[in-house]
PDB file of all heavy atoms in Angstrom:
ATOM      1  N   ALA A   1       0.810  -1.182   0.005  1.00  0.00           N
ATOM      2  CA  ALA A   1       0.070   0.004  -0.011  1.00  0.00           C
ATOM      3  C   ALA A   1       0.903   1.230  -0.005  1.00  0.00           C
ATOM      4  O   ALA A   1       0.542   2.193  -0.707  1.00  0.00           O
ATOM      5  CB  ALA A   1      -0.948  -0.077   1.280  1.00  0.00           C
ATOM      6  N   LEU A   2       1.910   1.260   0.757  1.00  0.00           N
ATOM      7  CA  LEU A   2       2.770   2.450   0.848  1.00  0.00           C
ATOM      8  C   LEU A   2       3.540   2.596  -0.491  1.00  0.00           C
ATOM      9  O   LEU A   2       3.621   3.790  -0.951  1.00  0.00           O
ATOM     10  CB  LEU A   2       3.907   2.218   1.969  1.00  0.00           C
ATOM     11  CG  LEU A   2       4.859   3.374   2.079  1.00  0.00           C
ATOM     12  CD1 LEU A   2       4.225   4.692   2.470  1.00  0.00           C
ATOM     13  CD2 LEU A   2       5.991   2.984   3.161  1.00  0.00           C
ATOM     14  N   SER A   3       3.897   1.550  -1.137  1.00  0.00           N
ATOM     15  CA  SER A   3       4.541   1.651  -2.475  1.00  0.00           C
ATOM     16  C   SER A   3       3.612   2.262  -3.428  1.00  0.00           C
ATOM     17  O   SER A   3       4.040   3.108  -4.265  1.00  0.00           O
ATOM     18  CB  SER A   3       5.068   0.314  -2.873  1.00  0.00           C
ATOM     19  OG  SER A   3       5.976  -0.290  -1.943  1.00  0.00           O
ATOM     20  N   LEU A   4       2.299   1.875  -3.431  1.00  0.00           N
ATOM     21  CA  LEU A   4       1.422   2.416  -4.337  1.00  0.00           C
ATOM     22  C   LEU A   4       1.066   3.894  -4.107  1.00  0.00           C
ATOM     23  O   LEU A   4       0.928   4.681  -5.067  1.00  0.00           O
ATOM     24  CB  LEU A   4       0.017   1.629  -4.200  1.00  0.00           C
ATOM     25  CG  LEU A   4       0.080   0.128  -4.732  1.00  0.00           C
ATOM     26  CD1 LEU A   4      -1.285  -0.524  -4.451  1.00  0.00           C
ATOM     27  CD2 LEU A   4       0.402   0.134  -6.229  1.00  0.00           C
ATOM     28  N   GLN A   5       1.169   4.240  -2.767  1.00  0.00           N
ATOM     29  CA  GLN A   5       0.992   5.680  -2.464  1.00  0.00           C
ATOM     30  C   GLN A   5       2.179   6.450  -2.981  1.00  0.00           C
ATOM     31  O   GLN A   5       1.978   7.578  -3.549  1.00  0.00           O
ATOM     32  CB  GLN A   5       0.844   5.833  -0.958  1.00  0.00           C
ATOM     33  CG  GLN A   5      -0.412   5.285  -0.378  1.00  0.00           C
ATOM     34  CD  GLN A   5      -0.417   5.289   1.187  1.00  0.00           C
ATOM     35  OE1 GLN A   5       0.323   6.026   1.799  1.00  0.00           O
ATOM     36  NE2 GLN A   5      -1.185   4.327   1.752  1.00  0.00           N
ATOM     37  N   LYS A   6       3.381   6.008  -2.811  1.00  0.00           N
ATOM     38  CA  LYS A   6       4.552   6.616  -3.368  1.00  0.00           C
ATOM     39  C   LYS A   6       4.499   6.757  -4.863  1.00  0.00           C
ATOM     40  O   LYS A   6       5.100   7.650  -5.495  1.00  0.00           O
ATOM     41  CB  LYS A   6       5.790   5.861  -2.934  1.00  0.00           C
ATOM     42  CG  LYS A   6       6.082   5.879  -1.446  1.00  0.00           C
ATOM     43  CD  LYS A   6       6.445   7.261  -0.914  1.00  0.00           C
ATOM     44  CE  LYS A   6       6.797   7.258   0.546  1.00  0.00           C
ATOM     45  NZ  LYS A   6       7.079   8.570   1.041  1.00  0.00           N
ATOM     46  N   ALA A   7       3.787   5.789  -5.466  1.00  0.00           N
ATOM     47  CA  ALA A   7       3.656   5.881  -6.953  1.00  0.00           C
ATOM     48  C   ALA A   7       2.647   6.929  -7.402  1.00  0.00           C
ATOM     49  O   ALA A   7       2.628   7.247  -8.658  1.00  0.00           O
ATOM     50  CB  ALA A   7       3.250   4.515  -7.497  1.00  0.00           C
ATOM     51  N   GLY A   8       1.965   7.477  -6.414  1.00  0.00           N
ATOM     52  CA  GLY A   8       1.068   8.566  -6.767  1.00  0.00           C
ATOM     53  C   GLY A   8      -0.442   8.189  -6.668  1.00  0.00           C
ATOM     54  O   GLY A   8      -1.300   9.050  -6.948  1.00  0.00           O
ATOM     55  N   ILE A   9      -0.806   7.021  -6.172  1.00  0.00           N
ATOM     56  CA  ILE A   9      -2.190   6.655  -6.050  1.00  0.00           C
ATOM     57  C   ILE A   9      -2.700   7.213  -4.725  1.00  0.00           C
ATOM     58  O   ILE A   9      -2.001   7.080  -3.724  1.00  0.00           O
ATOM     59  CB  ILE A   9      -2.342   5.133  -6.102  1.00  0.00           C
ATOM     60  CG1 ILE A   9      -1.841   4.541  -7.421  1.00  0.00           C
ATOM     61  CG2 ILE A   9      -3.768   4.734  -5.804  1.00  0.00           C
ATOM     62  CD1 ILE A   9      -1.958   3.075  -7.615  1.00  0.00           C
ATOM     63  N   PRO A  10      -3.809   7.883  -4.730  1.00  0.00           N
ATOM     64  CA  PRO A  10      -4.319   8.532  -3.461  1.00  0.00           C
ATOM     65  C   PRO A  10      -4.577   7.558  -2.396  1.00  0.00           C
ATOM     66  O   PRO A  10      -4.972   6.386  -2.636  1.00  0.00           O
ATOM     67  CB  PRO A  10      -5.560   9.226  -3.930  1.00  0.00           C
ATOM     68  CG  PRO A  10      -5.447   9.447  -5.456  1.00  0.00           C
ATOM     69  CD  PRO A  10      -4.681   8.253  -5.943  1.00  0.00           C
ATOM     70  N   ASP A  11      -4.287   7.977  -1.126  1.00  0.00           N
ATOM     71  CA  ASP A  11      -4.522   7.110  -0.001  1.00  0.00           C
ATOM     72  C   ASP A  11      -6.009   6.709   0.110  1.00  0.00           C
ATOM     73  O   ASP A  11      -6.329   5.605   0.543  1.00  0.00           O
ATOM     74  CB  ASP A  11      -3.954   7.868   1.243  1.00  0.00           C
ATOM     75  CG  ASP A  11      -4.223   7.003   2.491  1.00  0.00           C
ATOM     76  OD1 ASP A  11      -3.657   5.844   2.589  1.00  0.00           O
ATOM     77  OD2 ASP A  11      -4.953   7.434   3.372  1.00  0.00           O
ATOM     78  N   SER A  12      -6.893   7.538  -0.321  1.00  0.00           N
ATOM     79  CA  SER A  12      -8.325   7.359  -0.201  1.00  0.00           C
ATOM     80  C   SER A  12      -8.764   6.221  -1.073  1.00  0.00           C
ATOM     81  O   SER A  12      -9.788   5.580  -0.840  1.00  0.00           O
ATOM     82  CB  SER A  12      -9.068   8.606  -0.592  1.00  0.00           C
ATOM     83  OG  SER A  12      -8.757   9.066  -1.901  1.00  0.00           O
ATOM     84  N   VAL A  13      -8.005   5.868  -2.062  1.00  0.00           N
ATOM     85  CA  VAL A  13      -8.348   4.757  -2.948  1.00  0.00           C
ATOM     86  C   VAL A  13      -7.937   3.400  -2.475  1.00  0.00           C
ATOM     87  O   VAL A  13      -8.478   2.392  -2.729  1.00  0.00           O
ATOM     88  CB  VAL A  13      -7.671   4.989  -4.423  1.00  0.00           C
ATOM     89  CG1 VAL A  13      -7.965   3.757  -5.304  1.00  0.00           C
ATOM     90  CG2 VAL A  13      -8.190   6.249  -4.966  1.00  0.00           C
ATOM     91  N   ILE A  14      -6.859   3.385  -1.593  1.00  0.00           N
ATOM     92  CA  ILE A  14      -6.177   2.187  -1.142  1.00  0.00           C
ATOM     93  C   ILE A  14      -6.690   1.814   0.200  1.00  0.00           C
ATOM     94  O   ILE A  14      -6.866   2.544   1.208  1.00  0.00           O
ATOM     95  CB  ILE A  14      -4.690   2.461  -1.056  1.00  0.00           C
ATOM     96  CG1 ILE A  14      -4.166   2.881  -2.495  1.00  0.00           C
ATOM     97  CG2 ILE A  14      -4.061   1.151  -0.582  1.00  0.00           C
ATOM     98  CD1 ILE A  14      -2.707   3.272  -2.435  1.00  0.00           C
ATOM     99  N   SER A  15      -7.024   0.495   0.320  1.00  0.00           N
ATOM    100  CA  SER A  15      -7.354  -0.171   1.624  1.00  0.00           C
ATOM    101  C   SER A  15      -6.418  -1.244   1.951  1.00  0.00           C
ATOM    102  O   SER A  15      -6.153  -2.099   1.112  1.00  0.00           O
ATOM    103  CB  SER A  15      -8.893  -0.728   1.623  1.00  0.00           C
ATOM    104  OG  SER A  15      -9.778   0.283   1.373  1.00  0.00           O
ATOM    105  N   VAL A  16      -5.864  -1.238   3.133  1.00  0.00           N
ATOM    106  CA  VAL A  16      -4.843  -2.150   3.615  1.00  0.00           C
ATOM    107  C   VAL A  16      -5.565  -3.302   4.374  1.00  0.00           C
ATOM    108  O   VAL A  16      -6.255  -3.048   5.374  1.00  0.00           O
ATOM    109  CB  VAL A  16      -3.767  -1.542   4.478  1.00  0.00           C
ATOM    110  CG1 VAL A  16      -2.676  -2.494   4.899  1.00  0.00           C
ATOM    111  CG2 VAL A  16      -3.140  -0.361   3.789  1.00  0.00           C
ATOM    112  N   VAL A  17      -5.347  -4.522   3.853  1.00  0.00           N
ATOM    113  CA  VAL A  17      -6.005  -5.708   4.609  1.00  0.00           C
ATOM    114  C   VAL A  17      -4.901  -6.727   4.867  1.00  0.00           C
ATOM    115  O   VAL A  17      -4.690  -7.662   4.138  1.00  0.00           O
ATOM    116  CB  VAL A  17      -7.111  -6.325   3.682  1.00  0.00           C
ATOM    117  CG1 VAL A  17      -7.844  -7.359   4.507  1.00  0.00           C
ATOM    118  CG2 VAL A  17      -8.051  -5.211   3.151  1.00  0.00           C
ATOM    119  N   PRO A  18      -4.217  -6.596   5.964  1.00  0.00           N
ATOM    120  CA  PRO A  18      -3.236  -7.542   6.405  1.00  0.00           C
ATOM    121  C   PRO A  18      -3.817  -8.903   6.814  1.00  0.00           C
ATOM    122  O   PRO A  18      -4.927  -9.018   7.265  1.00  0.00           O
ATOM    123  CB  PRO A  18      -2.491  -6.905   7.564  1.00  0.00           C
ATOM    124  CG  PRO A  18      -3.483  -5.903   8.167  1.00  0.00           C
ATOM    125  CD  PRO A  18      -4.372  -5.509   6.990  1.00  0.00           C
ATOM    126  N   ALA A  19      -2.976  -9.877   6.628  1.00  0.00           N
ATOM    127  CA  ALA A  19      -3.402 -11.273   7.007  1.00  0.00           C
ATOM    128  C   ALA A  19      -2.437 -11.801   8.155  1.00  0.00           C
ATOM    129  O   ALA A  19      -1.386 -11.271   8.260  1.00  0.00           O
ATOM    130  CB  ALA A  19      -3.308 -12.291   5.867  1.00  0.00           C
ATOM    131  N   PRO A  20      -2.888 -12.700   9.017  1.00  0.00           N
ATOM    132  CA  PRO A  20      -2.074 -13.157  10.087  1.00  0.00           C
ATOM    133  C   PRO A  20      -0.988 -14.092   9.544  1.00  0.00           C
ATOM    134  O   PRO A  20      -1.049 -14.601   8.354  1.00  0.00           O
ATOM    135  CB  PRO A  20      -3.036 -13.890  11.033  1.00  0.00           C
ATOM    136  CG  PRO A  20      -4.102 -14.361   9.979  1.00  0.00           C
ATOM    137  CD  PRO A  20      -4.240 -13.327   8.947  1.00  0.00           C
ATOM    138  N   LEU A  21       0.009 -14.366  10.373  1.00  0.00           N
ATOM    139  CA  LEU A  21       1.108 -15.288  10.060  1.00  0.00           C
ATOM    140  C   LEU A  21       0.580 -16.717   9.970  1.00  0.00           C
ATOM    141  O   LEU A  21      -0.029 -17.144  11.048  1.00  0.00           O
ATOM    142  CB  LEU A  21       2.168 -15.198  11.066  1.00  0.00           C
ATOM    143  CG  LEU A  21       3.436 -16.131  10.895  1.00  0.00           C
ATOM    144  CD1 LEU A  21       4.148 -15.846   9.508  1.00  0.00           C
ATOM    145  CD2 LEU A  21       4.453 -15.979  12.075  1.00  0.00           C
ATOM    146  N   VAL A  22       0.871 -17.440   8.978  1.00  0.00           N
ATOM    147  CA  VAL A  22       0.444 -18.881   8.849  1.00  0.00           C
ATOM    148  C   VAL A  22       1.598 -19.595   8.209  1.00  0.00           C
ATOM    149  O   VAL A  22       2.523 -19.024   7.557  1.00  0.00           O
ATOM    150  CB  VAL A  22      -0.763 -19.090   8.042  1.00  0.00           C
ATOM    151  CG1 VAL A  22      -2.030 -18.521   8.703  1.00  0.00           C
ATOM    152  CG2 VAL A  22      -0.658 -18.439   6.622  1.00  0.00           C
ATOM    153  N   ILE A  23       1.664 -20.879   8.440  1.00  0.00           N
ATOM    154  CA  ILE A  23       2.848 -21.704   7.856  1.00  0.00           C
ATOM    155  C   ILE A  23       2.504 -22.093   6.465  1.00  0.00           C
ATOM    156  O   ILE A  23       3.401 -22.127   5.573  1.00  0.00           O
ATOM    157  CB  ILE A  23       3.048 -23.000   8.787  1.00  0.00           C
ATOM    158  CG1 ILE A  23       3.440 -22.515  10.186  1.00  0.00           C
ATOM    159  CG2 ILE A  23       4.074 -23.880   8.139  1.00  0.00           C
ATOM    160  CD1 ILE A  23       3.526 -23.671  11.128  1.00  0.00           C
ATOM    161  N   LYS A  24       1.211 -22.307   6.170  1.00  0.00           N
ATOM    162  CA  LYS A  24       0.797 -22.762   4.790  1.00  0.00           C
ATOM    163  C   LYS A  24      -0.508 -22.047   4.415  1.00  0.00           C
ATOM    164  O   LYS A  24      -1.080 -21.337   5.279  1.00  0.00           O
ATOM    165  CB  LYS A  24       0.656 -24.206   4.680  1.00  0.00           C
ATOM    166  CG  LYS A  24      -0.465 -24.813   5.539  1.00  0.00           C
ATOM    167  CD  LYS A  24      -0.570 -26.327   5.369  1.00  0.00           C
ATOM    168  CE  LYS A  24      -1.799 -26.848   6.200  1.00  0.00           C
ATOM    169  NZ  LYS A  24      -1.999 -28.286   5.886  1.00  0.00           N
ATOM    170  N   ASP A  25      -0.940 -22.192   3.197  1.00  0.00           N
ATOM    171  CA  ASP A  25      -2.247 -21.603   2.753  1.00  0.00           C
ATOM    172  C   ASP A  25      -2.272 -20.102   2.850  1.00  0.00           C
ATOM    173  O   ASP A  25      -3.261 -19.515   3.377  1.00  0.00           O
ATOM    174  CB  ASP A  25      -3.377 -22.276   3.452  1.00  0.00           C
ATOM    175  CG  ASP A  25      -3.556 -23.783   3.311  1.00  0.00           C
ATOM    176  OD1 ASP A  25      -3.149 -24.267   2.142  1.00  0.00           O
ATOM    177  OD2 ASP A  25      -3.974 -24.474   4.168  1.00  0.00           O
ATOM    178  N   ARG A  26      -1.150 -19.493   2.578  1.00  0.00           N
ATOM    179  CA  ARG A  26      -1.069 -18.012   2.756  1.00  0.00           C
ATOM    180  C   ARG A  26      -2.028 -17.247   1.807  1.00  0.00           C
ATOM    181  O   ARG A  26      -2.661 -16.288   2.211  1.00  0.00           O
ATOM    182  CB  ARG A  26       0.337 -17.578   2.397  1.00  0.00           C
ATOM    183  CG  ARG A  26       1.338 -18.077   3.495  1.00  0.00           C
ATOM    184  CD  ARG A  26       2.779 -17.614   3.213  1.00  0.00           C
ATOM    185  NE  ARG A  26       3.695 -18.229   4.178  1.00  0.00           N
ATOM    186  CZ  ARG A  26       5.041 -18.052   4.142  1.00  0.00           C
ATOM    187  NH1 ARG A  26       5.573 -17.243   3.136  1.00  0.00           N
ATOM    188  NH2 ARG A  26       5.831 -18.562   4.991  1.00  0.00           N
TER     189      ARG A  26
END
């Protein structure tokens, strides 16, 4: 998301959806 913002895409367009740490099935 930060990289896309640095590329010039507005923050209002981007939603960050992190996932938890897993060993498999990422």
